Amino acid sequence: MSHERMPLGQSTSYTDQYDPQLLFPLSRAETRAGLGLNNGWPWFGGDVWQAYELS
């Protein structure tokens, strides 16, 4: 789907059920290449999860 036809930033009506027609792909390869991220990420990270609500 071309960027002009994407619903991002446009008015839309909400549905009350799942609609796969609302999903669309976003190609990230071109932007990543422009940023020089062809050989992996220059950062790393992780998540720390706590289970306080289970105690």
C-alpha atoms as a PDB file:
ATOM      1  CA  MET A   1       0.000   0.000   0.000  1.00  0.00           C
ATOM      2  CA  SER A   2       1.366   3.378  -0.913  1.00  0.00           C
ATOM      3  CA  HIS A   3       1.920   5.962   1.810  1.00  0.00           C
ATOM      4  CA  GLU A   4      -0.806   8.168   0.336  1.00  0.00           C
ATOM      5  CA  ARG A   5      -3.415   5.445   0.824  1.00  0.00           C
ATOM      6  CA  MET A   6      -2.513   4.619   4.424  1.00  0.00           C
ATOM      7  CA  PRO A   7      -5.128   5.598   7.010  1.00  0.00           C
ATOM      8  CA  LEU A   8      -2.559   7.096   9.382  1.00  0.00           C
ATOM      9  CA  GLY A   9      -3.471  10.657  10.290  1.00  0.00           C
ATOM     10  CA  GLN A  10      -6.835  10.496   8.539  1.00  0.00           C
ATOM     11  CA  SER A  11     -10.359  10.492   9.949  1.00  0.00           C
ATOM     12  CA  THR A  12     -11.819   7.036  10.391  1.00  0.00           C
ATOM     13  CA  SER A  13     -14.909   5.359  11.765  1.00  0.00           C
ATOM     14  CA  TYR A  14     -14.510   2.780  14.511  1.00  0.00           C
ATOM     15  CA  THR A  15     -15.936  -0.688  14.131  1.00  0.00           C
ATOM     16  CA  ASP A  16     -17.124  -2.888  16.973  1.00  0.00           C
ATOM     17  CA  GLN A  17     -15.446  -6.018  15.632  1.00  0.00           C
ATOM     18  CA  TYR A  18     -12.145  -7.162  14.171  1.00  0.00           C
ATOM     19  CA  ASP A  19     -11.594  -5.952  10.611  1.00  0.00           C
ATOM     20  CA  PRO A  20      -8.457  -7.221   8.838  1.00  0.00           C
ATOM     21  CA  GLN A  21      -8.972  -4.569   6.146  1.00  0.00           C
ATOM     22  CA  LEU A  22      -7.759  -1.991   8.682  1.00  0.00           C
ATOM     23  CA  LEU A  23      -4.329  -3.646   8.870  1.00  0.00           C
ATOM     24  CA  PHE A  24      -1.582  -2.590   6.496  1.00  0.00           C
ATOM     25  CA  PRO A  25       2.155  -3.300   6.227  1.00  0.00           C
ATOM     26  CA  LEU A  26       4.860  -0.763   6.961  1.00  0.00           C
ATOM     27  CA  SER A  27       8.155  -1.329   5.183  1.00  0.00           C
ATOM     28  CA  ARG A  28      10.983  -0.350   7.516  1.00  0.00           C
ATOM     29  CA  ALA A  29      13.951  -1.556   5.468  1.00  0.00           C
ATOM     30  CA  GLU A  30      14.343   1.649   3.448  1.00  0.00           C
ATOM     31  CA  THR A  31      14.318   3.905   6.518  1.00  0.00           C
ATOM     32  CA  ARG A  32      16.671   1.609   8.438  1.00  0.00           C
ATOM     33  CA  ALA A  33      19.105   1.598   5.503  1.00  0.00           C
ATOM     34  CA  GLY A  34      18.980   5.404   5.388  1.00  0.00           C
ATOM     35  CA  LEU A  35      19.932   5.482   9.070  1.00  0.00           C
ATOM     36  CA  GLY A  36      22.824   3.078   8.494  1.00  0.00           C
ATOM     37  CA  LEU A  37      21.224   0.223  10.448  1.00  0.00           C
ATOM     38  CA  ASN A  38      22.004  -2.496   7.920  1.00  0.00           C
ATOM     39  CA  ASN A  39      24.268  -4.530  10.201  1.00  0.00           C
ATOM     40  CA  GLY A  40      22.162  -4.676  13.349  1.00  0.00           C
ATOM     41  CA  TRP A  41      21.123  -2.266  16.047  1.00  0.00           C
ATOM     42  CA  PRO A  42      23.552   0.130  17.746  1.00  0.00           C
ATOM     43  CA  TRP A  43      21.692  -0.314  21.043  1.00  0.00           C
ATOM     44  CA  PHE A  44      20.447  -3.105  23.242  1.00  0.00           C
ATOM     45  CA  GLY A  45      17.902  -3.424  25.981  1.00  0.00           C
ATOM     46  CA  GLY A  46      15.552  -5.635  27.849  1.00  0.00           C
ATOM     47  CA  ASP A  47      12.472  -5.655  29.998  1.00  0.00           C
ATOM     48  CA  VAL A  48      12.243  -6.342  33.703  1.00  0.00           C
ATOM     49  CA  TRP A  49       8.920  -7.787  34.742  1.00  0.00           C
ATOM     50  CA  GLN A  50       7.602  -7.828  38.295  1.00  0.00           C
ATOM     51  CA  ALA A  51       4.705  -9.951  39.508  1.00  0.00           C
ATOM     52  CA  TYR A  52       3.645  -7.848  42.481  1.00  0.00           C
ATOM     53  CA  GLU A  53      -0.026  -8.241  41.658  1.00  0.00           C
ATOM     54  CA  LEU A  54       0.318 -12.026  42.023  1.00  0.00           C
ATOM     55  CA  SER A  55       1.772 -11.906  45.518  1.00  0.00           C
END
